[in-house]
Protein backbone atom coordinates (compact mmCIF):
# COMPACT_ATOMS: atom_id res chain seq x y z
CA MET A 1 45.61 108.47 100.32
CA GLN A 2 42.66 110.44 98.94
CA GLU A 3 43.25 112.56 95.81
CA PRO A 4 43.16 116.27 96.74
CA LEU A 5 40.15 118.31 95.63
CA THR A 6 41.17 120.60 92.73
CA LEU A 7 40.17 124.27 92.85
CA ILE A 8 40.85 126.76 90.07
CA ILE A 9 42.50 130.00 91.18
CA GLU A 10 43.78 133.20 89.58
CA LYS A 11 47.56 133.49 89.16
CA GLN A 12 47.81 136.56 91.43
CA PHE A 13 46.23 134.70 94.38
CA PHE A 14 48.15 131.49 93.61
CA ASP A 15 51.45 133.39 93.76
CA GLU A 16 50.46 135.03 97.08
CA ILE A 17 49.64 131.62 98.59
CA ILE A 18 52.93 130.10 97.40
CA ALA A 19 54.81 133.09 98.88
CA GLY A 20 52.98 132.64 102.21
CA LYS A 21 51.27 136.05 102.02
CA LYS A 22 47.73 134.69 101.58
CA THR A 23 46.66 132.13 104.19
CA GLU A 24 42.96 131.82 103.36
CA GLU A 25 41.04 131.05 100.20
CA TYR A 26 37.34 131.81 99.79
CA ARG A 27 34.58 130.04 97.86
CA SER A 28 30.89 130.87 97.47
CA LEU A 29 28.13 128.96 99.24
CA SER A 30 26.96 127.57 95.91
CA GLU A 31 25.53 124.06 95.51
CA TYR A 32 28.78 123.12 93.76
CA TYR A 33 30.99 123.93 96.77
CA ILE A 34 28.43 122.71 99.30
CA SER A 35 28.62 119.29 97.60
CA ARG A 36 32.42 119.33 97.79
CA PHE A 37 32.92 120.61 101.35
CA CYS A 38 29.86 119.46 103.34
CA MET A 39 28.54 116.10 104.56
CA PHE A 40 24.85 115.25 104.81
CA LYS A 41 22.76 112.40 106.14
CA GLY A 42 19.71 112.62 103.92
CA GLU A 43 18.91 116.34 103.91
CA GLU A 44 20.53 117.02 107.31
CA PHE A 45 23.92 118.77 107.42
CA THR A 46 26.29 116.67 109.55
CA GLY A 47 29.55 118.59 109.23
CA MET A 48 32.42 119.46 106.96
CA LYS A 49 34.26 116.78 105.02
CA PRO A 50 37.69 115.91 106.47
CA ILE A 51 39.68 117.54 103.68
CA LYS A 52 43.41 117.49 104.48
CA SER A 53 44.75 119.06 101.28
CA ILE A 54 43.62 120.79 98.10
CA ARG A 55 45.20 121.18 94.68
CA LEU A 56 45.14 124.81 93.55
CA ALA A 57 45.46 125.13 89.77
CA VAL A 58 45.96 128.31 87.75
CA GLY A 59 43.35 128.21 84.99
CA TYR A 60 42.37 125.23 82.85
CA ALA A 61 45.34 124.74 80.50
CA LYS A 62 46.97 121.31 80.43
CA ASP A 63 50.40 122.72 81.38
CA ARG A 64 49.08 125.02 84.13
CA LYS A 65 50.84 125.78 87.41
CA TRP A 66 49.49 123.87 90.40
CA ALA A 67 50.29 123.22 94.04
CA ILE A 68 48.99 120.88 96.69
CA ILE A 69 48.34 122.86 99.87
CA GLU A 70 47.67 121.62 103.40
CA VAL A 71 44.15 122.48 104.66
CA LYS A 72 43.99 123.44 108.33
CA GLY A 73 40.22 123.86 108.30
CA ILE A 74 37.16 124.84 106.31
CA PHE A 75 34.32 126.83 107.80
CA ILE A 76 31.47 129.13 106.81
CA ASP A 77 32.19 132.81 107.37
CA THR A 78 30.21 136.07 107.12
CA PHE A 79 32.18 139.15 106.11
CA GLU A 80 31.55 142.10 108.41
CA ASN A 81 34.80 144.03 108.97
CA VAL A 82 37.56 142.63 106.76
CA ILE A 83 36.10 142.04 103.31
CA PRO A 84 38.21 140.20 100.69
CA GLU A 85 38.29 141.27 97.06
CA GLY A 86 35.18 140.13 95.17
CA PHE A 87 32.93 140.09 98.25
CA LYS A 88 30.81 142.68 100.02
CA LYS A 89 29.73 143.24 103.62
CA GLY A 90 27.35 140.54 104.79
CA ASP A 91 28.39 137.97 102.15
CA GLU A 92 28.72 134.41 103.39
CA CYS A 93 31.25 131.98 101.97
CA PHE A 94 33.46 129.02 102.71
CA THR A 95 36.80 130.05 104.19
CA ILE A 96 39.62 127.56 103.64
CA GLU A 97 42.49 127.97 106.10
CA LEU A 98 45.68 127.11 104.26
CA GLY A 99 48.83 125.57 105.67
CA LYS A 100 52.09 124.46 104.08
CA VAL A 101 52.73 124.01 100.39
CA LEU A 102 53.12 120.22 100.17
CA LYS A 103 54.01 119.89 96.48
CA GLN A 104 54.06 122.04 93.36
CA ASN A 105 55.09 121.86 89.73
């Protein structure tokens, strides 16, 4: 089984995901996240990596809270009507559709 990709998250959003109130997580279209979420053949984009789960971790401390969350899908989204905190109209980002909490500390 492949080790889940670890993403750092703020405690407020982590708690909302654990409670089932937040079902999507957003990440910028930076080179960093493109390399983690996208597949390429040479320079050609061939699709999204088949990521089945992610580890969300609160901050960087050694004893931080974390949870492994099911990933239903990852896609690129443009915000037009509903705009999450930290983004503005027209921003593009990766949207990670979250499923069940599989494990947590």
